[in-house]
Amino acid sequence: MSAATTNEITYSRSGEYLIPDITIPPQNQTLGRFGMMRKDYLNRHRGILFTMFSMKGTLFPHCLEVENQANIRLNLMMEELTAKNPPPSKAADPMGWTAHMNSLKAQAEEIIIEELVYS
């Protein structure tokens, strides 16, 4: 097997074919929920973009950036939503407080998923 280089991509010869030497760089971090959803969305619905990110080695950093932006936005939206719609007292009504906070979180996550993950 000999190696040939074309357009900054290294290829290895296998018989009559040139096969690109593609490696995935090791990652120190793991993707969370939003990052994994973004990766899955790109894979299923935006195949060309997924392939381009994969070939350039920027898929993981892109998904990690979406993850970080989504978490920051979730925290900000939760603060805004709790300011506009204050929850009941946690001590007096713990189940009502939990239900209220879960409802606010679901609203915020729905917006974030639509705007950041599926865009």
PDB file of N, CA and C in Angstrom:
ATOM      1  N   MET A   1       0.832  -1.185   0.000  1.00  0.00           N
ATOM      2  CA  MET A   1       0.000   0.000   0.000  1.00  0.00           C
ATOM      3  C   MET A   1       0.874   1.245   0.000  1.00  0.00           C
ATOM      4  N   SER A   2       0.654   2.109  -0.931  1.00  0.00           N
ATOM      5  CA  SER A   2       1.371   3.379  -0.965  1.00  0.00           C
ATOM      6  C   SER A   2       0.368   4.493  -0.721  1.00  0.00           C
ATOM      7  N   ALA A   3       0.856   5.621  -0.251  1.00  0.00           N
ATOM      8  CA  ALA A   3      -0.019   6.734   0.064  1.00  0.00           C
ATOM      9  C   ALA A   3       0.122   7.823  -0.990  1.00  0.00           C
ATOM     10  N   ALA A   4      -0.965   8.454  -1.340  1.00  0.00           N
ATOM     11  CA  ALA A   4      -0.970   9.570  -2.279  1.00  0.00           C
ATOM     12  C   ALA A   4      -1.737  10.713  -1.632  1.00  0.00           C
ATOM     13  N   THR A   5      -1.399  11.940  -1.989  1.00  0.00           N
ATOM     14  CA  THR A   5      -2.062  13.090  -1.395  1.00  0.00           C
ATOM     15  C   THR A   5      -2.713  13.924  -2.488  1.00  0.00           C
ATOM     16  N   THR A   6      -3.990  14.260  -2.306  1.00  0.00           N
ATOM     17  CA  THR A   6      -4.734  15.102  -3.220  1.00  0.00           C
ATOM     18  C   THR A   6      -5.620  16.017  -2.401  1.00  0.00           C
ATOM     19  N   ASN A   7      -5.556  17.325  -2.644  1.00  0.00           N
ATOM     20  CA  ASN A   7      -6.400  18.302  -1.961  1.00  0.00           C
ATOM     21  C   ASN A   7      -6.315  18.193  -0.439  1.00  0.00           C
ATOM     22  N   GLU A   8      -5.143  18.069   0.098  1.00  0.00           N
ATOM     23  CA  GLU A   8      -4.881  18.031   1.535  1.00  0.00           C
ATOM     24  C   GLU A   8      -5.482  16.814   2.241  1.00  0.00           C
ATOM     25  N   ILE A   9      -5.954  15.842   1.495  1.00  0.00           N
ATOM     26  CA  ILE A   9      -6.467  14.607   2.077  1.00  0.00           C
ATOM     27  C   ILE A   9      -5.498  13.499   1.701  1.00  0.00           C
ATOM     28  N   THR A  10      -5.133  12.684   2.671  1.00  0.00           N
ATOM     29  CA  THR A  10      -4.219  11.587   2.407  1.00  0.00           C
ATOM     30  C   THR A  10      -5.014  10.343   2.035  1.00  0.00           C
ATOM     31  N   TYR A  11      -4.559   9.669   0.997  1.00  0.00           N
ATOM     32  CA  TYR A  11      -5.214   8.464   0.522  1.00  0.00           C
ATOM     33  C   TYR A  11      -4.254   7.291   0.583  1.00  0.00           C
ATOM     34  N   SER A  12      -4.787   6.117   0.791  1.00  0.00           N
ATOM     35  CA  SER A  12      -4.007   4.880   0.728  1.00  0.00           C
ATOM     36  C   SER A  12      -4.500   4.072  -0.463  1.00  0.00           C
ATOM     37  N   ARG A  13      -3.578   3.496  -1.198  1.00  0.00           N
ATOM     38  CA  ARG A  13      -3.953   2.698  -2.365  1.00  0.00           C
ATOM     39  C   ARG A  13      -4.252   1.273  -1.909  1.00  0.00           C
ATOM     40  N   SER A  14      -5.397   0.786  -2.333  1.00  0.00           N
ATOM     41  CA  SER A  14      -5.792  -0.583  -2.069  1.00  0.00           C
ATOM     42  C   SER A  14      -6.187  -1.187  -3.410  1.00  0.00           C
ATOM     43  N   GLY A  15      -5.251  -1.881  -4.027  1.00  0.00           N
ATOM     44  CA  GLY A  15      -5.494  -2.410  -5.363  1.00  0.00           C
ATOM     45  C   GLY A  15      -5.561  -1.267  -6.348  1.00  0.00           C
ATOM     46  N   GLU A  16      -6.687  -1.139  -7.047  1.00  0.00           N
ATOM     47  CA  GLU A  16      -6.867  -0.059  -8.013  1.00  0.00           C
ATOM     48  C   GLU A  16      -7.533   1.171  -7.403  1.00  0.00           C
ATOM     49  N   TYR A  17      -7.868   1.112  -6.137  1.00  0.00           N
ATOM     50  CA  TYR A  17      -8.653   2.174  -5.515  1.00  0.00           C
ATOM     51  C   TYR A  17      -7.816   3.008  -4.559  1.00  0.00           C
ATOM     52  N   LEU A  18      -8.142   4.304  -4.476  1.00  0.00           N
ATOM     53  CA  LEU A  18      -7.580   5.189  -3.458  1.00  0.00           C
ATOM     54  C   LEU A  18      -8.642   5.380  -2.390  1.00  0.00           C
ATOM     55  N   ILE A  19      -8.294   5.048  -1.166  1.00  0.00           N
ATOM     56  CA  ILE A  19      -9.229   5.145  -0.048  1.00  0.00           C
ATOM     57  C   ILE A  19      -8.741   6.256   0.871  1.00  0.00           C
ATOM     58  N   PRO A  20      -9.614   7.239   1.209  1.00  0.00           N
ATOM     59  CA  PRO A  20      -9.169   8.339   2.072  1.00  0.00           C
ATOM     60  C   PRO A  20      -8.838   7.830   3.476  1.00  0.00           C
ATOM     61  N   ASP A  21      -7.759   8.368   4.030  1.00  0.00           N
ATOM     62  CA  ASP A  21      -7.354   8.038   5.396  1.00  0.00           C
ATOM     63  C   ASP A  21      -8.094   8.975   6.341  1.00  0.00           C
ATOM     64  N   ILE A  22      -9.243   8.541   6.793  1.00  0.00           N
ATOM     65  CA  ILE A  22     -10.077   9.359   7.667  1.00  0.00           C
ATOM     66  C   ILE A  22      -9.994   8.788   9.071  1.00  0.00           C
ATOM     67  N   THR A  23      -9.654   9.635  10.009  1.00  0.00           N
ATOM     68  CA  THR A  23      -9.628   9.217  11.404  1.00  0.00           C
ATOM     69  C   THR A  23     -10.460  10.196  12.220  1.00  0.00           C
ATOM     70  N   ILE A  24     -11.048   9.708  13.246  1.00  0.00           N
ATOM     71  CA  ILE A  24     -11.822  10.541  14.150  1.00  0.00           C
ATOM     72  C   ILE A  24     -10.925  10.876  15.337  1.00  0.00           C
ATOM     73  N   PRO A  25     -10.692  12.181  15.571  1.00  0.00           N
ATOM     74  CA  PRO A  25      -9.822  12.535  16.694  1.00  0.00           C
ATOM     75  C   PRO A  25     -10.463  12.150  18.028  1.00  0.00           C
ATOM     76  N   PRO A  26      -9.674  11.714  19.001  1.00  0.00           N
ATOM     77  CA  PRO A  26     -10.241  11.339  20.304  1.00  0.00           C
ATOM     78  C   PRO A  26     -10.826  12.561  21.016  1.00  0.00           C
ATOM     79  N   GLN A  27     -11.899  12.338  21.750  1.00  0.00           N
ATOM     80  CA  GLN A  27     -12.584  13.428  22.437  1.00  0.00           C
ATOM     81  C   GLN A  27     -12.496  13.222  23.944  1.00  0.00           C
ATOM     82  N   ASN A  28     -12.267  14.314  24.657  1.00  0.00           N
ATOM     83  CA  ASN A  28     -12.170  14.266  26.123  1.00  0.00           C
ATOM     84  C   ASN A  28     -13.549  14.351  26.758  1.00  0.00           C
ATOM     85  N   GLN A  29     -14.487  14.968  26.054  1.00  0.00           N
ATOM     86  CA  GLN A  29     -15.807  15.207  26.613  1.00  0.00           C
ATOM     87  C   GLN A  29     -16.836  14.298  25.944  1.00  0.00           C
ATOM     88  N   THR A  30     -17.994  14.233  26.544  1.00  0.00           N
ATOM     89  CA  THR A  30     -19.095  13.486  25.942  1.00  0.00           C
ATOM     90  C   THR A  30     -20.218  14.458  25.615  1.00  0.00           C
ATOM     91  N   LEU A  31     -21.006  14.103  24.645  1.00  0.00           N
ATOM     92  CA  LEU A  31     -22.142  14.933  24.279  1.00  0.00           C
ATOM     93  C   LEU A  31     -23.302  14.647  25.211  1.00  0.00           C
ATOM     94  N   GLY A  32     -24.036  15.687  25.513  1.00  0.00           N
ATOM     95  CA  GLY A  32     -25.236  15.539  26.320  1.00  0.00           C
ATOM     96  C   GLY A  32     -26.454  15.353  25.426  1.00  0.00           C
ATOM     97  N   ARG A  33     -27.591  15.574  25.997  1.00  0.00           N
ATOM     98  CA  ARG A  33     -28.855  15.337  25.309  1.00  0.00           C
ATOM     99  C   ARG A  33     -28.998  16.172  24.042  1.00  0.00           C
ATOM    100  N   PHE A  34     -28.769  17.472  24.145  1.00  0.00           N
ATOM    101  CA  PHE A  34     -28.970  18.353  22.994  1.00  0.00           C
ATOM    102  C   PHE A  34     -27.940  18.087  21.901  1.00  0.00           C
ATOM    103  N   GLY A  35     -26.704  17.819  22.276  1.00  0.00           N
ATOM    104  CA  GLY A  35     -25.665  17.518  21.298  1.00  0.00           C
ATOM    105  C   GLY A  35     -25.953  16.232  20.541  1.00  0.00           C
ATOM    106  N   MET A  36     -26.423  15.220  21.268  1.00  0.00           N
ATOM    107  CA  MET A  36     -26.764  13.950  20.622  1.00  0.00           C
ATOM    108  C   MET A  36     -27.983  14.111  19.704  1.00  0.00           C
ATOM    109  N   MET A  37     -28.929  14.938  20.121  1.00  0.00           N
ATOM    110  CA  MET A  37     -30.096  15.188  19.279  1.00  0.00           C
ATOM    111  C   MET A  37     -29.683  15.906  17.996  1.00  0.00           C
ATOM    112  N   ARG A  38     -28.745  16.855  18.105  1.00  0.00           N
ATOM    113  CA  ARG A  38     -28.270  17.578  16.930  1.00  0.00           C
ATOM    114  C   ARG A  38     -27.552  16.627  15.970  1.00  0.00           C
ATOM    115  N   LYS A  39     -26.713  15.754  16.519  1.00  0.00           N
ATOM    116  CA  LYS A  39     -25.992  14.784  15.695  1.00  0.00           C
ATOM    117  C   LYS A  39     -26.973  13.859  14.976  1.00  0.00           C
ATOM    118  N   ASP A  40     -27.966  13.371  15.684  1.00  0.00           N
ATOM    119  CA  ASP A  40     -28.973  12.489  15.098  1.00  0.00           C
ATOM    120  C   ASP A  40     -29.777  13.217  14.023  1.00  0.00           C
ATOM    121  N   TYR A  41     -30.136  14.475  14.282  1.00  0.00           N
ATOM    122  CA  TYR A  41     -30.878  15.269  13.298  1.00  0.00           C
ATOM    123  C   TYR A  41     -30.059  15.445  12.029  1.00  0.00           C
ATOM    124  N   LEU A  42     -28.791  15.822  12.179  1.00  0.00           N
ATOM    125  CA  LEU A  42     -27.935  15.992  11.004  1.00  0.00           C
ATOM    126  C   LEU A  42     -27.801  14.685  10.232  1.00  0.00           C
ATOM    127  N   ASN A  43     -27.646  13.582  10.935  1.00  0.00           N
ATOM    128  CA  ASN A  43     -27.482  12.283  10.287  1.00  0.00           C
ATOM    129  C   ASN A  43     -28.738  11.882   9.515  1.00  0.00           C
ATOM    130  N   ARG A  44     -29.898  12.102  10.087  1.00  0.00           N
ATOM    131  CA  ARG A  44     -31.147  11.655   9.468  1.00  0.00           C
ATOM    132  C   ARG A  44     -31.693  12.606   8.407  1.00  0.00           C
ATOM    133  N   HIS A  45     -31.536  13.924   8.636  1.00  0.00           N
ATOM    134  CA  HIS A  45     -32.228  14.887   7.779  1.00  0.00           C
ATOM    135  C   HIS A  45     -31.306  15.790   6.971  1.00  0.00           C
ATOM    136  N   ARG A  46     -30.068  15.909   7.355  1.00  0.00           N
ATOM    137  CA  ARG A  46     -29.126  16.787   6.657  1.00  0.00           C
ATOM    138  C   ARG A  46     -27.859  16.005   6.350  1.00  0.00           C
ATOM    139  N   GLY A  47     -28.006  14.949   5.567  1.00  0.00           N
ATOM    140  CA  GLY A  47     -26.928  14.004   5.303  1.00  0.00           C
ATOM    141  C   GLY A  47     -25.667  14.631   4.742  1.00  0.00           C
ATOM    142  N   ILE A  48     -25.828  15.578   3.810  1.00  0.00           N
ATOM    143  CA  ILE A  48     -24.655  16.206   3.209  1.00  0.00           C
ATOM    144  C   ILE A  48     -23.892  17.007   4.257  1.00  0.00           C
ATOM    145  N   LEU A  49     -24.618  17.765   5.073  1.00  0.00           N
ATOM    146  CA  LEU A  49     -23.969  18.543   6.134  1.00  0.00           C
ATOM    147  C   LEU A  49     -23.297  17.626   7.147  1.00  0.00           C
ATOM    148  N   PHE A  50     -23.955  16.539   7.499  1.00  0.00           N
ATOM    149  CA  PHE A  50     -23.375  15.550   8.413  1.00  0.00           C
ATOM    150  C   PHE A  50     -22.074  14.994   7.850  1.00  0.00           C
ATOM    151  N   THR A  51     -22.088  14.652   6.569  1.00  0.00           N
ATOM    152  CA  THR A  51     -20.896  14.108   5.924  1.00  0.00           C
ATOM    153  C   THR A  51     -19.780  15.141   5.863  1.00  0.00           C
ATOM    154  N   MET A  52     -20.129  16.379   5.563  1.00  0.00           N
ATOM    155  CA  MET A  52     -19.105  17.430   5.503  1.00  0.00           C
ATOM    156  C   MET A  52     -18.463  17.641   6.864  1.00  0.00           C
ATOM    157  N   PHE A  53     -19.284  17.719   7.906  1.00  0.00           N
ATOM    158  CA  PHE A  53     -18.733  17.874   9.260  1.00  0.00           C
ATOM    159  C   PHE A  53     -17.854  16.684   9.623  1.00  0.00           C
ATOM    160  N   SER A  54     -18.301  15.491   9.266  1.00  0.00           N
ATOM    161  CA  SER A  54     -17.534  14.286   9.579  1.00  0.00           C
ATOM    162  C   SER A  54     -16.194  14.275   8.850  1.00  0.00           C
ATOM    163  N   MET A  55     -16.205  14.616   7.570  1.00  0.00           N
ATOM    164  CA  MET A  55     -14.978  14.601   6.774  1.00  0.00           C
ATOM    165  C   MET A  55     -13.973  15.638   7.260  1.00  0.00           C
ATOM    166  N   LYS A  56     -14.468  16.788   7.702  1.00  0.00           N
ATOM    167  CA  LYS A  56     -13.582  17.845   8.191  1.00  0.00           C
ATOM    168  C   LYS A  56     -13.156  17.607   9.638  1.00  0.00           C
ATOM    169  N   GLY A  57     -13.818  16.680  10.314  1.00  0.00           N
ATOM    170  CA  GLY A  57     -13.508  16.424  11.721  1.00  0.00           C
ATOM    171  C   GLY A  57     -14.110  17.449  12.654  1.00  0.00           C
ATOM    172  N   THR A  58     -15.151  18.146  12.206  1.00  0.00           N
ATOM    173  CA  THR A  58     -15.762  19.189  13.030  1.00  0.00           C
ATOM    174  C   THR A  58     -17.153  18.811  13.538  1.00  0.00           C
ATOM    175  N   LEU A  59     -17.564  17.563  13.343  1.00  0.00           N
ATOM    176  CA  LEU A  59     -18.897  17.158  13.793  1.00  0.00           C
ATOM    177  C   LEU A  59     -19.017  17.226  15.311  1.00  0.00           C
ATOM    178  N   PHE A  60     -18.053  16.641  16.016  1.00  0.00           N
ATOM    179  CA  PHE A  60     -18.121  16.657  17.479  1.00  0.00           C
ATOM    180  C   PHE A  60     -18.042  18.081  18.039  1.00  0.00           C
ATOM    181  N   PRO A  61     -17.087  18.922  17.591  1.00  0.00           N
ATOM    182  CA  PRO A  61     -17.074  20.297  18.114  1.00  0.00           C
ATOM    183  C   PRO A  61     -18.366  21.053  17.816  1.00  0.00           C
ATOM    184  N   HIS A  62     -18.967  20.823  16.639  1.00  0.00           N
ATOM    185  CA  HIS A  62     -20.223  21.491  16.309  1.00  0.00           C
ATOM    186  C   HIS A  62     -21.336  21.057  17.269  1.00  0.00           C
ATOM    187  N   CYS A  63     -21.458  19.753  17.482  1.00  0.00           N
ATOM    188  CA  CYS A  63     -22.496  19.239  18.385  1.00  0.00           C
ATOM    189  C   CYS A  63     -22.251  19.676  19.828  1.00  0.00           C
ATOM    190  N   LEU A  64     -20.992  19.742  20.225  1.00  0.00           N
ATOM    191  CA  LEU A  64     -20.655  20.207  21.575  1.00  0.00           C
ATOM    192  C   LEU A  64     -21.013  21.677  21.748  1.00  0.00           C
ATOM    193  N   GLU A  65     -20.794  22.478  20.708  1.00  0.00           N
ATOM    194  CA  GLU A  65     -21.167  23.892  20.758  1.00  0.00           C
ATOM    195  C   GLU A  65     -22.679  24.047  20.872  1.00  0.00           C
ATOM    196  N   VAL A  66     -23.434  23.257  20.119  1.00  0.00           N
ATOM    197  CA  VAL A  66     -24.899  23.288  20.226  1.00  0.00           C
ATOM    198  C   VAL A  66     -25.316  22.894  21.642  1.00  0.00           C
ATOM    199  N   GLU A  67     -24.673  21.869  22.198  1.00  0.00           N
ATOM    200  CA  GLU A  67     -24.965  21.422  23.572  1.00  0.00           C
ATOM    201  C   GLU A  67     -24.740  22.554  24.576  1.00  0.00           C
ATOM    202  N   ASN A  68     -23.599  23.219  24.469  1.00  0.00           N
ATOM    203  CA  ASN A  68     -23.272  24.295  25.410  1.00  0.00           C
ATOM    204  C   ASN A  68     -24.228  25.469  25.268  1.00  0.00           C
ATOM    205  N   GLN A  69     -24.526  25.868  24.036  1.00  0.00           N
ATOM    206  CA  GLN A  69     -25.466  26.960  23.810  1.00  0.00           C
ATOM    207  C   GLN A  69     -26.854  26.612  24.348  1.00  0.00           C
ATOM    208  N   ALA A  70     -27.284  25.382  24.127  1.00  0.00           N
ATOM    209  CA  ALA A  70     -28.608  24.959  24.587  1.00  0.00           C
ATOM    210  C   ALA A  70     -28.700  24.985  26.115  1.00  0.00           C
ATOM    211  N   ASN A  71     -27.657  24.522  26.797  1.00  0.00           N
ATOM    212  CA  ASN A  71     -27.681  24.530  28.264  1.00  0.00           C
ATOM    213  C   ASN A  71     -27.673  25.949  28.825  1.00  0.00           C
ATOM    214  N   ILE A  72     -26.892  26.831  28.225  1.00  0.00           N
ATOM    215  CA  ILE A  72     -26.878  28.235  28.667  1.00  0.00           C
ATOM    216  C   ILE A  72     -28.250  28.855  28.445  1.00  0.00           C
ATOM    217  N   ARG A  73     -28.806  28.609  27.269  1.00  0.00           N
ATOM    218  CA  ARG A  73     -30.115  29.163  26.946  1.00  0.00           C
ATOM    219  C   ARG A  73     -31.206  28.596  27.849  1.00  0.00           C
ATOM    220  N   LEU A  74     -31.107  27.314  28.191  1.00  0.00           N
ATOM    221  CA  LEU A  74     -32.089  26.697  29.085  1.00  0.00           C
ATOM    222  C   LEU A  74     -32.070  27.374  30.454  1.00  0.00           C
ATOM    223  N   ASN A  75     -30.890  27.617  30.991  1.00  0.00           N
ATOM    224  CA  ASN A  75     -30.790  28.283  32.296  1.00  0.00           C
ATOM    225  C   ASN A  75     -31.375  29.686  32.245  1.00  0.00           C
ATOM    226  N   LEU A  76     -31.079  30.435  31.180  1.00  0.00           N
ATOM    227  CA  LEU A  76     -31.618  31.790  31.059  1.00  0.00           C
ATOM    228  C   LEU A  76     -33.137  31.774  30.902  1.00  0.00           C
ATOM    229  N   MET A  77     -33.636  30.861  30.097  1.00  0.00           N
ATOM    230  CA  MET A  77     -35.079  30.794  29.884  1.00  0.00           C
ATOM    231  C   MET A  77     -35.819  30.367  31.145  1.00  0.00           C
ATOM    232  N   MET A  78     -35.212  29.461  31.915  1.00  0.00           N
ATOM    233  CA  MET A  78     -35.852  29.041  33.171  1.00  0.00           C
ATOM    234  C   MET A  78     -35.948  30.218  34.142  1.00  0.00           C
ATOM    235  N   GLU A  79     -34.900  31.031  34.199  1.00  0.00           N
ATOM    236  CA  GLU A  79     -34.949  32.217  35.057  1.00  0.00           C
ATOM    237  C   GLU A  79     -36.050  33.172  34.608  1.00  0.00           C
ATOM    238  N   GLU A  80     -36.146  33.403  33.287  1.00  0.00           N
ATOM    239  CA  GLU A  80     -37.173  34.304  32.762  1.00  0.00           C
ATOM    240  C   GLU A  80     -38.574  33.757  33.002  1.00  0.00           C
ATOM    241  N   LEU A  81     -38.756  32.468  32.743  1.00  0.00           N
ATOM    242  CA  LEU A  81     -40.081  31.873  32.916  1.00  0.00           C
ATOM    243  C   LEU A  81     -40.517  31.843  34.374  1.00  0.00           C
ATOM    244  N   THR A  82     -39.593  31.566  35.301  1.00  0.00           N
ATOM    245  CA  THR A  82     -39.975  31.560  36.720  1.00  0.00           C
ATOM    246  C   THR A  82     -40.241  32.976  37.218  1.00  0.00           C
ATOM    247  N   ALA A  83     -39.598  33.970  36.613  1.00  0.00           N
ATOM    248  CA  ALA A  83     -39.890  35.354  36.993  1.00  0.00           C
ATOM    249  C   ALA A  83     -41.282  35.761  36.510  1.00  0.00           C
ATOM    250  N   LYS A  84     -41.653  35.338  35.300  1.00  0.00           N
ATOM    251  CA  LYS A  84     -42.969  35.677  34.752  1.00  0.00           C
ATOM    252  C   LYS A  84     -44.082  34.843  35.373  1.00  0.00           C
ATOM    253  N   ASN A  85     -43.802  33.581  35.675  1.00  0.00           N
ATOM    254  CA  ASN A  85     -44.790  32.644  36.229  1.00  0.00           C
ATOM    255  C   ASN A  85     -44.232  32.044  37.512  1.00  0.00           C
ATOM    256  N   PRO A  86     -44.319  32.754  38.622  1.00  0.00           N
ATOM    257  CA  PRO A  86     -43.719  32.235  39.860  1.00  0.00           C
ATOM    258  C   PRO A  86     -44.375  30.919  40.300  1.00  0.00           C
ATOM    259  N   PRO A  87     -43.543  29.966  40.713  1.00  0.00           N
ATOM    260  CA  PRO A  87     -44.099  28.681  41.162  1.00  0.00           C
ATOM    261  C   PRO A  87     -44.717  28.801  42.548  1.00  0.00           C
ATOM    262  N   PRO A  88     -45.573  27.854  42.927  1.00  0.00           N
ATOM    263  CA  PRO A  88     -46.101  27.850  44.290  1.00  0.00           C
ATOM    264  C   PRO A  88     -44.983  27.554  45.293  1.00  0.00           C
ATOM    265  N   SER A  89     -45.267  27.784  46.543  1.00  0.00           N
ATOM    266  CA  SER A  89     -44.276  27.538  47.584  1.00  0.00           C
ATOM    267  C   SER A  89     -43.873  26.064  47.596  1.00  0.00           C
ATOM    268  N   LYS A  90     -42.581  25.835  47.579  1.00  0.00           N
ATOM    269  CA  LYS A  90     -42.084  24.465  47.568  1.00  0.00           C
ATOM    270  C   LYS A  90     -42.393  23.765  48.894  1.00  0.00           C
ATOM    271  N   ALA A  91     -42.345  24.503  49.988  1.00  0.00           N
ATOM    272  CA  ALA A  91     -42.608  23.915  51.304  1.00  0.00           C
ATOM    273  C   ALA A  91     -44.094  23.579  51.473  1.00  0.00           C
ATOM    274  N   ALA A  92     -44.972  24.469  50.985  1.00  0.00           N
ATOM    275  CA  ALA A  92     -46.406  24.265  51.176  1.00  0.00           C
ATOM    276  C   ALA A  92     -46.992  23.253  50.188  1.00  0.00           C
ATOM    277  N   ASP A  93     -46.490  23.255  48.959  1.00  0.00           N
ATOM    278  CA  ASP A  93     -47.040  22.384  47.917  1.00  0.00           C
ATOM    279  C   ASP A  93     -45.911  21.808  47.059  1.00  0.00           C
ATOM    280  N   PRO A  94     -45.188  20.809  47.576  1.00  0.00           N
ATOM    281  CA  PRO A  94     -44.035  20.290  46.822  1.00  0.00           C
ATOM    282  C   PRO A  94     -44.421  19.653  45.483  1.00  0.00           C
ATOM    283  N   MET A  95     -45.558  18.981  45.415  1.00  0.00           N
ATOM    284  CA  MET A  95     -45.983  18.361  44.156  1.00  0.00           C
ATOM    285  C   MET A  95     -46.396  19.429  43.136  1.00  0.00           C
ATOM    286  N   GLY A  96     -47.067  20.456  43.606  1.00  0.00           N
ATOM    287  CA  GLY A  96     -47.458  21.562  42.724  1.00  0.00           C
ATOM    288  C   GLY A  96     -46.231  22.298  42.205  1.00  0.00           C
ATOM    289  N   TRP A  97     -45.240  22.492  43.086  1.00  0.00           N
ATOM    290  CA  TRP A  97     -43.997  23.154  42.683  1.00  0.00           C
ATOM    291  C   TRP A  97     -43.281  22.327  41.618  1.00  0.00           C
ATOM    292  N   THR A  98     -43.193  21.019  41.834  1.00  0.00           N
ATOM    293  CA  THR A  98     -42.524  20.132  40.886  1.00  0.00           C
ATOM    294  C   THR A  98     -43.249  20.140  39.537  1.00  0.00           C
ATOM    295  N   ALA A  99     -44.557  20.057  39.568  1.00  0.00           N
ATOM    296  CA  ALA A  99     -45.334  20.062  38.329  1.00  0.00           C
ATOM    297  C   ALA A  99     -45.148  21.377  37.577  1.00  0.00           C
ATOM    298  N   HIS A 100     -45.162  22.480  38.304  1.00  0.00           N
ATOM    299  CA  HIS A 100     -44.992  23.801  37.689  1.00  0.00           C
ATOM    300  C   HIS A 100     -43.609  23.934  37.054  1.00  0.00           C
ATOM    301  N   MET A 101     -42.576  23.524  37.787  1.00  0.00           N
ATOM    302  CA  MET A 101     -41.207  23.637  37.275  1.00  0.00           C
ATOM    303  C   MET A 101     -40.989  22.710  36.081  1.00  0.00           C
ATOM    304  N   ASN A 102     -41.569  21.508  36.114  1.00  0.00           N
ATOM    305  CA  ASN A 102     -41.462  20.595  34.973  1.00  0.00           C
ATOM    306  C   ASN A 102     -42.153  21.167  33.743  1.00  0.00           C
ATOM    307  N   SER A 103     -43.274  21.828  33.953  1.00  0.00           N
ATOM    308  CA  SER A 103     -43.989  22.452  32.845  1.00  0.00           C
ATOM    309  C   SER A 103     -43.153  23.573  32.223  1.00  0.00           C
ATOM    310  N   LEU A 104     -42.536  24.409  33.059  1.00  0.00           N
ATOM    311  CA  LEU A 104     -41.694  25.490  32.554  1.00  0.00           C
ATOM    312  C   LEU A 104     -40.481  24.940  31.811  1.00  0.00           C
ATOM    313  N   LYS A 105     -39.891  23.886  32.353  1.00  0.00           N
ATOM    314  CA  LYS A 105     -38.721  23.289  31.707  1.00  0.00           C
ATOM    315  C   LYS A 105     -39.099  22.685  30.361  1.00  0.00           C
ATOM    316  N   ALA A 106     -40.255  22.049  30.276  1.00  0.00           N
ATOM    317  CA  ALA A 106     -40.706  21.472  29.007  1.00  0.00           C
ATOM    318  C   ALA A 106     -40.926  22.565  27.965  1.00  0.00           C
ATOM    319  N   GLN A 107     -41.485  23.702  28.382  1.00  0.00           N
ATOM    320  CA  GLN A 107     -41.674  24.822  27.465  1.00  0.00           C
ATOM    321  C   GLN A 107     -40.333  25.324  26.939  1.00  0.00           C
ATOM    322  N   ALA A 108     -39.393  25.518  27.839  1.00  0.00           N
ATOM    323  CA  ALA A 108     -38.076  26.027  27.455  1.00  0.00           C
ATOM    324  C   ALA A 108     -37.360  25.038  26.531  1.00  0.00           C
ATOM    325  N   GLU A 109     -37.411  23.755  26.860  1.00  0.00           N
ATOM    326  CA  GLU A 109     -36.740  22.747  26.037  1.00  0.00           C
ATOM    327  C   GLU A 109     -37.363  22.656  24.648  1.00  0.00           C
ATOM    328  N   GLU A 110     -38.674  22.801  24.549  1.00  0.00           N
ATOM    329  CA  GLU A 110     -39.334  22.758  23.250  1.00  0.00           C
ATOM    330  C   GLU A 110     -38.834  23.888  22.347  1.00  0.00           C
ATOM    331  N   ILE A 111     -38.704  25.061  22.897  1.00  0.00           N
ATOM    332  CA  ILE A 111     -38.200  26.202  22.129  1.00  0.00           C
ATOM    333  C   ILE A 111     -36.750  25.991  21.720  1.00  0.00           C
ATOM    334  N   ILE A 112     -35.934  25.531  22.648  1.00  0.00           N
ATOM    335  CA  ILE A 112     -34.508  25.318  22.376  1.00  0.00           C
ATOM    336  C   ILE A 112     -34.307  24.241  21.314  1.00  0.00           C
ATOM    337  N   ILE A 113     -35.041  23.169  21.415  1.00  0.00           N
ATOM    338  CA  ILE A 113     -34.909  22.092  20.432  1.00  0.00           C
ATOM    339  C   ILE A 113     -35.294  22.582  19.048  1.00  0.00           C
ATOM    340  N   GLU A 114     -36.348  23.344  18.968  1.00  0.00           N
ATOM    341  CA  GLU A 114     -36.797  23.840  17.665  1.00  0.00           C
ATOM    342  C   GLU A 114     -35.796  24.836  17.083  1.00  0.00           C
ATOM    343  N   GLU A 115     -35.263  25.732  17.911  1.00  0.00           N
ATOM    344  CA  GLU A 115     -34.400  26.806  17.408  1.00  0.00           C
ATOM    345  C   GLU A 115     -32.939  26.399  17.242  1.00  0.00           C
ATOM    346  N   LEU A 116     -32.408  25.559  18.109  1.00  0.00           N
ATOM    347  CA  LEU A 116     -30.985  25.215  18.046  1.00  0.00           C
ATOM    348  C   LEU A 116     -30.706  23.844  17.440  1.00  0.00           C
ATOM    349  N   VAL A 117     -31.489  22.874  17.830  1.00  0.00           N
ATOM    350  CA  VAL A 117     -31.198  21.494  17.407  1.00  0.00           C
ATOM    351  C   VAL A 117     -31.712  21.243  16.006  1.00  0.00           C
ATOM    352  N   TYR A 118     -32.948  21.617  15.726  1.00  0.00           N
ATOM    353  CA  TYR A 118     -33.563  21.308  14.442  1.00  0.00           C
ATOM    354  C   TYR A 118     -33.532  22.480  13.470  1.00  0.00           C
ATOM    355  N   SER A 119     -32.435  23.193  13.434  1.00  0.00           N
ATOM    356  CA  SER A 119     -32.342  24.326  12.501  1.00  0.00           C
ATOM    357  C   SER A 119     -31.167  24.160  11.569  1.00  0.00           C
TER     358      SER A 119
END
